[in-house]
Protein backbone atom coordinates (compact mmCIF):
# COMPACT_ATOMS: atom_id res chain seq x y z
CA VAL A 1 17.26 -11.14 7.62
CA PHE A 2 14.79 -8.96 9.52
CA CYS A 3 11.00 -9.08 9.11
CA SER A 4 8.54 -7.29 11.41
CA CYS A 5 5.91 -10.07 11.01
CA TYR A 6 6.07 -12.52 13.97
CA TRP A 7 4.05 -15.16 12.23
CA LEU A 8 6.18 -15.09 9.17
CA THR A 9 9.48 -15.29 11.10
CA GLU A 10 8.16 -18.14 13.13
CA ASN A 11 6.73 -20.22 10.34
CA LEU A 12 8.89 -19.51 7.33
CA ASP A 13 10.99 -22.63 7.51
CA LYS A 14 8.22 -25.06 8.64
CA THR A 15 7.55 -27.86 6.14
CA GLU A 16 3.82 -27.90 6.96
CA MET A 17 3.61 -24.35 5.60
CA ALA A 18 3.84 -25.78 2.04
CA PRO A 19 0.80 -24.94 -0.11
CA THR A 20 -2.16 -27.30 0.25
CA GLU A 21 -3.42 -29.38 -2.72
CA ASP A 22 -6.35 -27.04 -3.45
CA ILE A 23 -4.12 -24.31 -4.74
CA HIS A 24 -1.96 -26.53 -6.97
CA ASP A 25 -2.59 -25.32 -10.51
CA GLU A 26 -0.61 -24.28 -13.60
CA GLU A 27 2.70 -22.77 -12.52
CA VAL A 28 3.44 -19.27 -13.77
CA ALA A 29 7.02 -18.07 -13.85
CA LEU A 30 7.43 -14.34 -13.45
CA VAL A 31 10.80 -13.21 -14.81
CA SER A 32 12.24 -9.86 -13.60
CA GLN A 33 14.19 -7.48 -15.84
CA GLU A 34 17.45 -8.99 -14.50
CA GLY A 35 16.29 -12.45 -15.55
CA LEU A 36 15.51 -13.71 -12.04
CA LYS A 37 12.63 -16.20 -12.18
CA PHE A 38 9.92 -16.50 -9.61
CA ILE A 39 7.57 -19.59 -9.70
CA THR A 40 4.07 -18.77 -8.60
CA HIS A 41 0.57 -20.12 -8.73
CA GLY A 42 -1.62 -18.78 -11.51
CA SER A 43 -4.85 -18.72 -9.52
CA ILE A 44 -3.30 -16.61 -6.72
CA ILE A 45 -1.56 -13.99 -8.78
CA SER A 46 -4.57 -13.76 -11.10
CA CYS A 47 -6.95 -12.74 -8.37
CA LYS A 48 -4.55 -10.09 -7.16
CA SER A 49 -3.58 -8.44 -10.41
CA GLY A 50 -5.87 -7.69 -13.30
CA LYS A 51 -2.98 -7.28 -15.68
CA LEU A 52 -1.31 -10.53 -14.80
CA GLU A 53 -4.69 -12.32 -15.10
CA SER A 54 -5.03 -11.05 -18.69
CA ALA A 55 -1.46 -11.91 -19.48
CA ILE A 56 -1.83 -15.51 -18.24
CA ARG A 57 -5.09 -15.97 -20.17
CA PHE A 58 -3.48 -14.59 -23.39
CA ALA A 59 -0.37 -16.88 -22.91
CA LYS A 60 -2.63 -19.87 -22.63
CA MET A 61 -4.36 -18.89 -25.88
CA ASN A 62 -1.11 -19.33 -27.76
CA SER A 63 -1.08 -22.31 -30.07
CA ARG A 64 2.22 -23.56 -28.68
CA TYR A 65 0.91 -23.74 -25.13
CA ARG A 66 0.16 -27.27 -23.69
CA SER A 67 -2.01 -27.81 -20.66
CA GLY A 68 0.06 -28.17 -17.55
CA GLU A 69 3.04 -26.37 -18.84
CA THR A 70 4.60 -23.49 -16.95
CA VAL A 71 3.54 -20.08 -18.25
CA GLU A 72 6.47 -17.71 -18.39
CA LEU A 73 5.87 -13.97 -18.20
CA GLN A 74 8.49 -11.30 -18.70
CA ILE A 75 7.82 -8.59 -16.03
CA PRO A 76 10.04 -5.53 -16.88
CA ILE A 77 10.61 -4.39 -13.30
CA PRO A 78 13.55 -4.90 -10.84
CA ALA A 79 13.63 -8.25 -9.00
CA GLU A 80 13.24 -6.58 -5.63
CA MET A 81 10.03 -4.87 -6.71
CA LEU A 82 8.75 -8.09 -8.18
CA ARG A 83 9.61 -9.91 -5.03
CA HIS A 84 7.69 -7.46 -2.86
CA MET A 85 4.71 -7.66 -5.23
CA ILE A 86 4.67 -11.45 -4.96
CA GLN A 87 4.98 -11.19 -1.13
CA HIS A 88 1.87 -9.03 -1.16
CA PHE A 89 0.06 -11.50 -3.34
CA TYR A 90 0.72 -14.42 -1.00
CA HIS A 91 1.16 -12.92 2.45
CA GLY A 92 -0.98 -9.80 2.18
CA SER A 93 1.92 -7.56 3.09
CA ILE A 94 5.42 -6.54 2.02
CA CYS A 95 8.18 -7.92 4.23
CA PHE A 96 11.23 -5.66 4.28
CA THR A 97 14.48 -7.48 4.40
CA GLY A 98 18.10 -6.69 3.42
CA PRO A 99 20.11 -3.58 4.11
CA PRO A 100 18.15 -0.75 5.74
CA MET A 101 17.22 2.28 3.53
CA SER A 102 17.12 5.89 4.55
CA ASP A 103 13.66 7.36 5.01
CA LYS A 104 14.13 9.35 1.79
CA GLY A 105 15.25 6.21 -0.04
CA LEU A 106 12.33 4.16 1.28
CA CYS A 107 9.81 6.88 0.40
CA ARG A 108 11.02 7.02 -3.23
CA TYR A 109 11.11 3.22 -3.46
CA LEU A 110 7.49 2.97 -2.30
CA LEU A 111 6.40 5.70 -4.65
CA GLU A 112 7.97 3.73 -7.54
CA LEU A 113 6.36 0.55 -6.35
CA MET A 114 2.99 2.33 -6.14
CA ILE A 115 3.25 3.19 -9.82
CA VAL A 116 4.05 -0.44 -10.66
CA ALA A 117 1.12 -1.61 -8.49
CA GLU A 118 -1.22 0.79 -10.37
CA GLU A 119 0.08 -0.39 -13.74
CA PHE A 120 -0.48 -4.07 -12.81
CA LEU A 121 -3.99 -3.24 -11.51
CA CYS A 122 -3.01 -4.44 -8.03
CA LEU A 123 -5.14 -1.95 -6.06
CA ASP A 124 -4.58 -3.65 -2.69
CA LEU A 125 -0.96 -3.08 -2.99
CA VAL A 126 -1.59 0.63 -3.84
CA LYS A 127 -3.64 0.79 -0.65
CA GLU A 128 -0.92 -0.88 1.46
CA ILE A 129 1.66 1.59 0.15
CA GLU A 130 -0.58 4.60 1.00
CA MET A 131 -0.81 3.26 4.56
CA ARG A 132 2.92 2.87 4.77
CA LEU A 133 3.53 6.37 3.47
CA LEU A 134 1.11 7.73 6.17
CA SER A 135 2.48 5.76 9.05
CA SER A 136 5.16 6.52 11.68
CA ASP A 137 6.22 2.88 11.33
CA PRO A 138 6.32 2.37 7.52
CA GLN A 139 7.99 -1.04 7.63
CA SER A 140 5.32 -2.69 9.85
CA CYS A 141 3.46 -5.76 8.64
CA PHE A 142 -0.14 -5.58 7.32
CA CYS A 143 -0.82 -9.31 7.14
CA TRP A 144 -3.88 -11.02 8.72
CA ASN A 145 -1.96 -12.11 11.75
CA CYS A 146 -0.75 -8.52 12.43
CA CYS A 147 -4.06 -6.73 11.87
CA ARG A 148 -6.04 -4.98 14.62
CA ALA A 149 -9.27 -6.96 14.13
CA VAL A 150 -10.59 -9.66 11.79
CA ARG A 151 -14.04 -11.25 11.21
CA ALA A 152 -16.04 -13.32 8.82
CA HIS A 153 -17.89 -11.05 6.44
CA PRO A 154 -21.39 -10.48 8.00
CA ARG A 155 -23.18 -10.53 4.74
CA GLN A 156 -21.15 -13.09 2.68
CA VAL A 157 -20.22 -15.89 5.11
CA GLY A 158 -20.99 -18.55 2.63
CA ASN A 159 -18.56 -17.18 0.04
CA ARG A 160 -15.44 -17.53 2.26
CA LYS A 161 -15.19 -13.77 2.57
CA ALA A 162 -13.58 -12.04 5.55
CA GLN A 163 -12.75 -8.55 6.74
CA CYS A 164 -9.68 -7.38 8.39
CA MET A 165 -8.85 -3.98 9.93
CA TYR A 166 -5.52 -2.21 10.25
CA CYS A 167 -4.85 0.80 12.31
CA ILE A 168 -2.13 3.40 11.71
CA ASP A 169 -1.38 6.94 12.85
CA THR A 170 -0.71 9.80 10.50
CA ASN A 171 2.53 10.97 11.99
CA SER A 172 4.15 10.09 8.75
CA ARG A 173 7.84 9.30 8.98
CA LEU A 174 8.42 9.31 5.22
CA VAL A 175 6.38 12.31 4.01
CA ALA A 176 8.87 15.07 5.14
CA GLU A 177 10.28 18.26 3.75
CA ASN A 178 12.79 16.43 1.51
CA THR A 179 10.27 13.98 0.08
CA VAL A 180 6.98 15.88 0.08
CA LEU A 181 7.31 17.16 -3.47
CA ASP A 182 8.05 13.68 -4.80
CA VAL A 183 4.83 12.54 -3.13
CA LEU A 184 2.90 15.46 -4.52
CA GLY A 185 4.14 14.80 -7.99
CA LEU A 186 2.97 11.24 -7.86
CA LEU A 187 -0.45 12.33 -6.50
CA GLU A 188 -0.86 14.71 -9.49
CA PHE A 189 -0.10 11.80 -11.85
CA MET A 190 -2.20 8.98 -10.35
CA GLU A 191 -5.94 8.47 -10.55
CA ALA A 192 -7.58 7.44 -7.26
CA PRO A 193 -8.33 3.66 -7.10
CA GLU A 194 -11.59 2.42 -5.61
CA TYR A 195 -10.98 2.04 -1.91
CA THR A 196 -11.35 4.11 1.20
CA LEU A 197 -9.56 4.97 4.44
CA GLN A 198 -11.52 5.81 7.51
CA LEU A 199 -10.59 8.20 10.26
CA LEU A 200 -11.31 7.47 13.88
CA PRO A 201 -11.99 10.10 16.57
CA MET A 202 -9.42 8.60 18.98
CA ASN A 203 -5.63 8.24 19.09
CA ILE A 204 -3.53 5.19 18.84
CA LYS A 205 -3.03 4.82 22.67
CA THR A 206 -6.78 4.85 23.19
CA LEU A 207 -7.41 2.54 20.28
CA ARG A 208 -5.28 -0.26 21.76
CA CYS A 209 -7.72 -0.50 24.70
CA VAL A 210 -10.78 -0.76 22.53
CA GLN A 211 -12.27 -4.26 21.95
CA SER A 212 -12.43 -5.37 18.32
CA THR A 213 -16.20 -5.99 18.61
CA ARG A 214 -16.77 -2.32 19.40
CA LEU A 215 -14.56 -1.29 16.45
CA TRP A 216 -16.62 -3.39 14.08
CA ALA A 217 -19.82 -2.07 15.57
CA ASP A 218 -18.75 1.51 15.00
CA HIS A 219 -17.58 0.55 11.51
CA ASP A 220 -20.97 -0.95 10.63
CA ASP A 221 -22.83 2.09 12.01
CA VAL A 222 -20.84 4.37 9.71
CA LYS A 223 -19.61 6.52 12.54
CA TRP A 224 -16.23 7.28 10.98
CA LEU A 225 -15.25 9.86 8.39
CA SER A 226 -14.25 8.13 5.08
CA ASN A 227 -11.68 9.37 2.61
CA ILE A 228 -11.39 8.22 -0.90
CA ALA A 229 -8.10 6.55 -1.99
CA LEU A 230 -5.06 8.85 -1.71
CA ALA A 231 -7.10 11.68 -0.23
CA THR A 232 -5.56 11.17 3.22
CA LEU A 233 -2.11 11.12 1.72
CA ARG A 234 -2.81 14.38 -0.16
CA ASP A 235 -4.03 16.02 3.06
CA THR A 236 -0.86 14.90 4.81
CA VAL A 237 1.30 16.31 2.01
CA ASN A 238 -0.45 19.69 2.24
CA LEU A 239 0.08 19.87 5.97
CA VAL A 240 3.81 19.06 5.60
CA VAL A 241 4.13 21.80 2.93
CA LEU A 242 2.52 24.36 5.22
CA ARG A 243 4.27 23.45 8.39
CA LYS A 244 7.72 23.14 6.83
CA PHE A 245 7.39 25.54 3.89
CA ALA A 246 10.66 27.27 4.48
CA GLN A 247 12.56 24.01 4.44
CA VAL A 248 10.54 22.62 1.50
CA VAL A 249 11.43 25.51 -0.84
CA GLU A 250 15.13 25.06 -0.05
CA THR A 251 15.24 21.38 -1.00
CA ALA A 252 16.96 20.12 -4.16
CA SER A 253 13.67 18.85 -5.51
CA PHE A 254 12.07 22.25 -5.39
CA LEU A 255 15.13 24.18 -6.74
CA GLU A 256 15.41 21.74 -9.62
CA SER A 257 11.83 22.26 -10.52
CA THR A 258 11.87 26.08 -10.57
CA ASN A 259 13.24 28.46 -13.12
CA VAL A 260 16.79 29.81 -12.78
CA SER A 261 15.66 33.46 -12.20
CA ALA A 262 14.64 34.72 -8.82
CA ASP A 263 11.24 35.81 -10.22
CA GLY A 264 10.57 32.31 -11.44
CA SER A 265 11.52 30.83 -8.07
CA GLU A 266 9.25 33.20 -6.14
CA SER A 267 6.37 32.44 -8.56
CA GLN A 268 6.76 28.75 -7.90
CA LYS A 269 6.87 29.34 -4.10
CA ASN A 270 3.68 31.34 -4.23
CA LEU A 271 1.98 28.70 -6.40
CA LEU A 272 2.87 25.91 -4.02
CA LEU A 273 1.80 27.95 -1.05
CA GLN A 274 -1.52 28.94 -2.57
CA MET A 275 -2.32 25.38 -3.65
CA SER A 276 -1.80 24.14 -0.14
CA LEU A 277 -3.83 26.92 1.43
CA ASP A 278 -6.67 26.33 -1.01
CA ASP A 279 -6.88 22.69 0.11
CA LEU A 280 -6.70 23.62 3.85
CA ARG A 281 -10.39 24.23 4.21
CA ARG A 282 -11.36 20.64 3.31
CA ASN A 283 -8.43 18.89 4.93
CA SER A 284 -9.84 15.89 6.67
CA LEU A 285 -6.95 15.67 9.21
CA LEU A 286 -7.95 19.08 10.63
CA SER A 287 -11.53 18.09 11.28
CA PRO A 288 -12.39 18.69 15.00
CA LEU A 289 -13.86 15.18 15.12
CA GLN A 290 -10.61 13.49 14.11
CA LYS A 291 -7.36 12.73 15.78
CA LYS A 292 -4.24 10.88 14.60
CA THR A 293 -5.56 7.49 13.85
CA ILE A 294 -6.65 5.90 10.57
CA PRO A 295 -7.94 2.37 10.40
CA LEU A 296 -8.32 0.51 7.13
CA SER A 297 -11.01 -2.17 6.87
CA GLY A 298 -10.90 -4.29 3.75
CA GLU A 299 -12.92 -7.05 2.28
CA VAL A 300 -10.73 -9.74 0.82
CA PRO A 301 -11.03 -13.47 -0.07
CA GLN A 302 -9.79 -15.65 2.78
CA ASN A 303 -6.19 -16.67 2.30
CA ARG A 304 -5.82 -20.43 2.05
CA PHE A 305 -2.58 -20.57 4.06
CA PRO A 306 -2.54 -21.65 7.77
CA ASN A 307 -2.19 -18.17 9.29
CA THR A 308 -5.76 -17.29 8.42
């Protein structure tokens, strides 16, 4: 089993990694569509998913529920997706294991998981997936141990709040000519959640030499361009369409979406091209101040496991 997270692979089998007493609460069993059951802690999954929080509260209001009993929830998604969602709840990042997927297969899987994350009101997972879709290393780990910089929240130290920063490039490996229309279709469907990605005026190689204290200072001084959720992904999609337009319009995804007639196909080509050109003027990735690096800084409750 391969996992890119050094901390997780080193500590997975250690007995001292068992949850501490302060997170022992009512158990919640999440049951996948195949019937596979995952035992979780209600307090942890409730703070990560608004939909699960409501479902747990509703289940406890049932007259047959007794305090201390395991709450069982049917989650109508595949076990693998449910496993990755739970990994995100506990570890802060998906850990890819099992047989490798093709880039096209991984892209489509992440798009499906993004829809699930939106449905379950797990916006941090939506954010993680956008980062993966943008990155040249989409299977990297985004846990606290693997982040670029971490600090106690400067304004909410007493509330056990912390901030962590992750840095990725935008040389997307997954958004390519054979997947770009799938990504575009999802972006047309989804509403933007409430988070931002920020663009740095430096490349990844330069960034590795920058001290974390300087990164936080620049972050606090609002020196970086901010994009609303999914805007950077949309900008990446438009650039791929324009750079590889001839290949995009020859893909099975495009041909299946067009009319059979030649006139219909040409009309769809012109529409796709015009839409991408219209967005070109405000494309954040073409700003003269920006390069190929996007950091994500997020405010999250401190995890209560030893890696934080």
